[in-house]
């Protein structure tokens, strides 16, 4: 899948619909719990380096 959205753009969209940091953390936790491989793939699609992906996934387990 071709990268089309940056992390900053994704966060801006979340904020535009009213999500605060706590809600975004809840979203990550749910994504990691329900579909860890999909979460991994999504973070890679956003262009995050492997080290950052590992940090995010560990934080939200």
PDB file of N, CA and C in Angstrom:
ATOM      1  N   UNK A   1       0.851  -1.178   0.000  1.00  0.00           N
ATOM      2  CA  UNK A   1       0.000   0.000   0.000  1.00  0.00           C
ATOM      3  C   UNK A   1       0.895   1.238   0.000  1.00  0.00           C
ATOM      4  N   UNK A   2       0.586   2.171  -0.835  1.00  0.00           N
ATOM      5  CA  UNK A   2       1.368   3.403  -0.927  1.00  0.00           C
ATOM      6  C   UNK A   2       1.043   4.337   0.230  1.00  0.00           C
ATOM      7  N   UNK A   3       2.074   4.974   0.784  1.00  0.00           N
ATOM      8  CA  UNK A   3       1.892   5.931   1.884  1.00  0.00           C
ATOM      9  C   UNK A   3       1.209   7.180   1.342  1.00  0.00           C
ATOM     10  N   UNK A   4       0.132   7.566   1.999  1.00  0.00           N
ATOM     11  CA  UNK A   4      -0.622   8.717   1.532  1.00  0.00           C
ATOM     12  C   UNK A   4      -0.886   9.745   2.621  1.00  0.00           C
ATOM     13  N   UNK A   5      -0.702   9.384   3.863  1.00  0.00           N
ATOM     14  CA  UNK A   5      -1.038  10.274   4.978  1.00  0.00           C
ATOM     15  C   UNK A   5       0.120  10.263   5.971  1.00  0.00           C
ATOM     16  N   UNK A   6       0.506  11.432   6.462  1.00  0.00           N
ATOM     17  CA  UNK A   6       1.550  11.504   7.483  1.00  0.00           C
ATOM     18  C   UNK A   6       0.933  11.323   8.870  1.00  0.00           C
ATOM     19  N   UNK A   7       1.781  11.051   9.839  1.00  0.00           N
ATOM     20  CA  UNK A   7       1.328  10.945  11.230  1.00  0.00           C
ATOM     21  C   UNK A   7       0.665  12.256  11.642  1.00  0.00           C
ATOM     22  N   UNK A   8       1.280  13.356  11.289  1.00  0.00           N
ATOM     23  CA  UNK A   8       0.739  14.665  11.673  1.00  0.00           C
ATOM     24  C   UNK A   8      -0.650  14.895  11.067  1.00  0.00           C
ATOM     25  N   UNK A   9      -0.831  14.475   9.829  1.00  0.00           N
ATOM     26  CA  UNK A   9      -2.152  14.614   9.191  1.00  0.00           C
ATOM     27  C   UNK A   9      -3.184  13.723   9.882  1.00  0.00           C
ATOM     28  N   UNK A  10      -2.762  12.516  10.240  1.00  0.00           N
ATOM     29  CA  UNK A  10      -3.672  11.589  10.911  1.00  0.00           C
ATOM     30  C   UNK A  10      -4.092  12.158  12.273  1.00  0.00           C
ATOM     31  N   UNK A  11      -3.134  12.662  13.032  1.00  0.00           N
ATOM     32  CA  UNK A  11      -3.437  13.252  14.342  1.00  0.00           C
ATOM     33  C   UNK A  11      -4.355  14.462  14.176  1.00  0.00           C
ATOM     34  N   UNK A  12      -4.095  15.275  13.168  1.00  0.00           N
ATOM     35  CA  UNK A  12      -4.947  16.460  12.918  1.00  0.00           C
ATOM     36  C   UNK A  12      -6.390  16.031  12.642  1.00  0.00           C
ATOM     37  N   UNK A  13      -6.566  14.944  11.920  1.00  0.00           N
ATOM     38  CA  UNK A  13      -7.926  14.442  11.652  1.00  0.00           C
ATOM     39  C   UNK A  13      -8.593  13.969  12.940  1.00  0.00           C
ATOM     40  N   UNK A  14      -7.849  13.256  13.762  1.00  0.00           N
ATOM     41  CA  UNK A  14      -8.397  12.835  15.049  1.00  0.00           C
ATOM     42  C   UNK A  14      -8.807  14.045  15.885  1.00  0.00           C
ATOM     43  N   UNK A  15      -7.957  15.031  15.925  1.00  0.00           N
ATOM     44  CA  UNK A  15      -8.276  16.237  16.698  1.00  0.00           C
ATOM     45  C   UNK A  15      -9.492  16.956  16.115  1.00  0.00           C
ATOM     46  N   UNK A  16      -9.613  16.967  14.797  1.00  0.00           N
ATOM     47  CA  UNK A  16     -10.732  17.642  14.137  1.00  0.00           C
ATOM     48  C   UNK A  16     -12.076  17.014  14.495  1.00  0.00           C
ATOM     49  N   UNK A  17     -12.070  15.721  14.834  1.00  0.00           N
ATOM     50  CA  UNK A  17     -13.322  15.082  15.239  1.00  0.00           C
ATOM     51  C   UNK A  17     -13.482  15.049  16.759  1.00  0.00           C
ATOM     52  N   UNK A  18     -12.586  15.730  17.451  1.00  0.00           N
ATOM     53  CA  UNK A  18     -12.742  15.902  18.889  1.00  0.00           C
ATOM     54  C   UNK A  18     -11.975  14.941  19.770  1.00  0.00           C
ATOM     55  N   UNK A  19     -11.087  14.131  19.200  1.00  0.00           N
ATOM     56  CA  UNK A  19     -10.323  13.215  20.034  1.00  0.00           C
ATOM     57  C   UNK A  19      -9.179  13.954  20.719  1.00  0.00           C
ATOM     58  N   UNK A  20      -9.052  13.737  22.009  1.00  0.00           N
ATOM     59  CA  UNK A  20      -7.925  14.279  22.747  1.00  0.00           C
ATOM     60  C   UNK A  20      -6.875  13.176  22.897  1.00  0.00           C
ATOM     61  N   UNK A  21      -5.799  13.481  23.612  1.00  0.00           N
ATOM     62  CA  UNK A  21      -4.724  12.495  23.764  1.00  0.00           C
ATOM     63  C   UNK A  21      -5.223  11.199  24.387  1.00  0.00           C
ATOM     64  N   UNK A  22      -6.093  11.305  25.399  1.00  0.00           N
ATOM     65  CA  UNK A  22      -6.607  10.113  26.071  1.00  0.00           C
ATOM     66  C   UNK A  22      -7.418   9.248  25.106  1.00  0.00           C
ATOM     67  N   UNK A  23      -8.222   9.856  24.272  1.00  0.00           N
ATOM     68  CA  UNK A  23      -9.028   9.105  23.310  1.00  0.00           C
ATOM     69  C   UNK A  23      -8.143   8.447  22.253  1.00  0.00           C
ATOM     70  N   UNK A  24      -7.100   9.158  21.821  1.00  0.00           N
ATOM     71  CA  UNK A  24      -6.191   8.582  20.828  1.00  0.00           C
ATOM     72  C   UNK A  24      -5.432   7.398  21.430  1.00  0.00           C
ATOM     73  N   UNK A  25      -5.064   7.497  22.700  1.00  0.00           N
ATOM     74  CA  UNK A  25      -4.403   6.373  23.362  1.00  0.00           C
ATOM     75  C   UNK A  25      -5.348   5.184  23.455  1.00  0.00           C
ATOM     76  N   UNK A  26      -6.613   5.452  23.762  1.00  0.00           N
ATOM     77  CA  UNK A  26      -7.612   4.381  23.833  1.00  0.00           C
ATOM     78  C   UNK A  26      -7.753   3.705  22.469  1.00  0.00           C
ATOM     79  N   UNK A  27      -7.754   4.499  21.393  1.00  0.00           N
ATOM     80  CA  UNK A  27      -7.842   3.964  20.041  1.00  0.00           C
ATOM     81  C   UNK A  27      -6.669   3.031  19.748  1.00  0.00           C
ATOM     82  N   UNK A  28      -5.451   3.481  20.087  1.00  0.00           N
ATOM     83  CA  UNK A  28      -4.270   2.642  19.868  1.00  0.00           C
ATOM     84  C   UNK A  28      -4.350   1.350  20.668  1.00  0.00           C
ATOM     85  N   UNK A  29      -4.772   1.445  21.932  1.00  0.00           N
ATOM     86  CA  UNK A  29      -4.874   0.240  22.771  1.00  0.00           C
ATOM     87  C   UNK A  29      -5.858  -0.767  22.170  1.00  0.00           C
ATOM     88  N   UNK A  30      -7.005  -0.263  21.734  1.00  0.00           N
ATOM     89  CA  UNK A  30      -8.016  -1.131  21.142  1.00  0.00           C
ATOM     90  C   UNK A  30      -7.499  -1.768  19.855  1.00  0.00           C
ATOM     91  N   UNK A  31      -6.863  -0.981  19.006  1.00  0.00           N
ATOM     92  CA  UNK A  31      -6.307  -1.485  17.744  1.00  0.00           C
ATOM     93  C   UNK A  31      -5.274  -2.566  18.043  1.00  0.00           C
ATOM     94  N   UNK A  32      -4.370  -2.300  18.985  1.00  0.00           N
ATOM     95  CA  UNK A  32      -3.321  -3.263  19.334  1.00  0.00           C
ATOM     96  C   UNK A  32      -3.921  -4.543  19.900  1.00  0.00           C
ATOM     97  N   UNK A  33      -4.946  -4.414  20.733  1.00  0.00           N
ATOM     98  CA  UNK A  33      -5.568  -5.579  21.360  1.00  0.00           C
ATOM     99  C   UNK A  33      -6.331  -6.421  20.343  1.00  0.00           C
ATOM    100  N   UNK A  34      -7.120  -5.768  19.481  1.00  0.00           N
ATOM    101  CA  UNK A  34      -7.994  -6.492  18.570  1.00  0.00           C
ATOM    102  C   UNK A  34      -7.318  -6.952  17.285  1.00  0.00           C
ATOM    103  N   UNK A  35      -6.276  -6.223  16.859  1.00  0.00           N
ATOM    104  CA  UNK A  35      -5.632  -6.564  15.595  1.00  0.00           C
ATOM    105  C   UNK A  35      -4.177  -6.113  15.611  1.00  0.00           C
ATOM    106  N   UNK A  36      -3.327  -6.796  16.379  1.00  0.00           N
ATOM    107  CA  UNK A  36      -1.935  -6.364  16.498  1.00  0.00           C
ATOM    108  C   UNK A  36      -1.192  -6.314  15.163  1.00  0.00           C
ATOM    109  N   UNK A  37      -1.467  -7.272  14.274  1.00  0.00           N
ATOM    110  CA  UNK A  37      -0.792  -7.251  12.973  1.00  0.00           C
ATOM    111  C   UNK A  37      -1.260  -6.064  12.136  1.00  0.00           C
ATOM    112  N   UNK A  38      -2.546  -5.768  12.211  1.00  0.00           N
ATOM    113  CA  UNK A  38      -3.083  -4.614  11.499  1.00  0.00           C
ATOM    114  C   UNK A  38      -2.525  -3.315  12.041  1.00  0.00           C
ATOM    115  N   UNK A  39      -2.351  -3.236  13.355  1.00  0.00           N
ATOM    116  CA  UNK A  39      -1.773  -2.049  13.982  1.00  0.00           C
ATOM    117  C   UNK A  39      -0.347  -1.857  13.486  1.00  0.00           C
ATOM    118  N   UNK A  40       0.403  -2.952  13.456  1.00  0.00           N
ATOM    119  CA  UNK A  40       1.775  -2.929  12.947  1.00  0.00           C
ATOM    120  C   UNK A  40       1.790  -2.412  11.508  1.00  0.00           C
ATOM    121  N   UNK A  41       0.921  -2.955  10.696  1.00  0.00           N
ATOM    122  CA  UNK A  41       0.849  -2.581   9.286  1.00  0.00           C
ATOM    123  C   UNK A  41       0.461  -1.118   9.117  1.00  0.00           C
ATOM    124  N   UNK A  42      -0.492  -0.665   9.893  1.00  0.00           N
ATOM    125  CA  UNK A  42      -0.936   0.732   9.829  1.00  0.00           C
ATOM    126  C   UNK A  42       0.199   1.680  10.188  1.00  0.00           C
ATOM    127  N   UNK A  43       0.905   1.382  11.266  1.00  0.00           N
ATOM    128  CA  UNK A  43       2.009   2.250  11.692  1.00  0.00           C
ATOM    129  C   UNK A  43       3.115   2.285  10.644  1.00  0.00           C
ATOM    130  N   UNK A  44       3.376   1.149  10.014  1.00  0.00           N
ATOM    131  CA  UNK A  44       4.368   1.098   8.935  1.00  0.00           C
ATOM    132  C   UNK A  44       3.880   1.910   7.736  1.00  0.00           C
ATOM    133  N   UNK A  45       2.593   1.816   7.411  1.00  0.00           N
ATOM    134  CA  UNK A  45       1.999   2.573   6.303  1.00  0.00           C
ATOM    135  C   UNK A  45       2.170   4.079   6.522  1.00  0.00           C
ATOM    136  N   UNK A  46       2.103   4.489   7.791  1.00  0.00           N
ATOM    137  CA  UNK A  46       2.306   5.905   8.102  1.00  0.00           C
ATOM    138  C   UNK A  46       3.764   6.337   7.930  1.00  0.00           C
ATOM    139  N   UNK A  47       4.639   5.370   7.751  1.00  0.00           N
ATOM    140  CA  UNK A  47       6.043   5.686   7.514  1.00  0.00           C
ATOM    141  C   UNK A  47       6.902   5.732   8.758  1.00  0.00           C
ATOM    142  N   UNK A  48       6.378   5.199   9.867  1.00  0.00           N
ATOM    143  CA  UNK A  48       7.178   5.184  11.088  1.00  0.00           C
ATOM    144  C   UNK A  48       8.308   4.168  10.957  1.00  0.00           C
ATOM    145  N   UNK A  49       9.494   4.507  11.474  1.00  0.00           N
ATOM    146  CA  UNK A  49      10.579   3.530  11.457  1.00  0.00           C
ATOM    147  C   UNK A  49      10.276   2.383  12.435  1.00  0.00           C
ATOM    148  N   UNK A  50      10.885   1.235  12.183  1.00  0.00           N
ATOM    149  CA  UNK A  50      10.633   0.048  13.005  1.00  0.00           C
ATOM    150  C   UNK A  50      10.810   0.310  14.502  1.00  0.00           C
ATOM    151  N   UNK A  51      11.827   1.071  14.864  1.00  0.00           N
ATOM    152  CA  UNK A  51      12.068   1.365  16.286  1.00  0.00           C
ATOM    153  C   UNK A  51      10.880   2.103  16.899  1.00  0.00           C
ATOM    154  N   UNK A  52      10.343   3.080  16.188  1.00  0.00           N
ATOM    155  CA  UNK A  52       9.192   3.858  16.692  1.00  0.00           C
ATOM    156  C   UNK A  52       7.945   2.987  16.750  1.00  0.00           C
ATOM    157  N   UNK A  53       7.765   2.126  15.751  1.00  0.00           N
ATOM    158  CA  UNK A  53       6.619   1.207  15.763  1.00  0.00           C
ATOM    159  C   UNK A  53       6.673   0.325  17.003  1.00  0.00           C
ATOM    160  N   UNK A  54       7.844  -0.208  17.306  1.00  0.00           N
ATOM    161  CA  UNK A  54       8.001  -1.057  18.491  1.00  0.00           C
ATOM    162  C   UNK A  54       7.675  -0.280  19.758  1.00  0.00           C
ATOM    163  N   UNK A  55       8.101   0.978  19.841  1.00  0.00           N
ATOM    164  CA  UNK A  55       7.795   1.812  21.021  1.00  0.00           C
ATOM    165  C   UNK A  55       6.297   2.014  21.170  1.00  0.00           C
ATOM    166  N   UNK A  56       5.616   2.349  20.073  1.00  0.00           N
ATOM    167  CA  UNK A  56       4.173   2.594  20.115  1.00  0.00           C
ATOM    168  C   UNK A  56       3.449   1.323  20.532  1.00  0.00           C
ATOM    169  N   UNK A  57       3.801   0.209  19.922  1.00  0.00           N
ATOM    170  CA  UNK A  57       3.102  -1.036  20.218  1.00  0.00           C
ATOM    171  C   UNK A  57       3.343  -1.478  21.661  1.00  0.00           C
ATOM    172  N   UNK A  58       4.543  -1.292  22.158  1.00  0.00           N
ATOM    173  CA  UNK A  58       4.831  -1.642  23.554  1.00  0.00           C
ATOM    174  C   UNK A  58       4.053  -0.742  24.504  1.00  0.00           C
ATOM    175  N   UNK A  59       4.012   0.533  24.191  1.00  0.00           N
ATOM    176  CA  UNK A  59       3.295   1.503  25.049  1.00  0.00           C
ATOM    177  C   UNK A  59       1.817   1.175  25.176  1.00  0.00           C
ATOM    178  N   UNK A  60       1.213   0.664  24.103  1.00  0.00           N
ATOM    179  CA  UNK A  60      -0.227   0.479  24.111  1.00  0.00           C
ATOM    180  C   UNK A  60      -0.670  -0.971  24.244  1.00  0.00           C
ATOM    181  N   UNK A  61       0.200  -1.836  24.733  1.00  0.00           N
ATOM    182  CA  UNK A  61      -0.194  -3.223  25.014  1.00  0.00           C
ATOM    183  C   UNK A  61      -0.968  -3.299  26.298  1.00  0.00           C
TER     184      UNK A  61
END
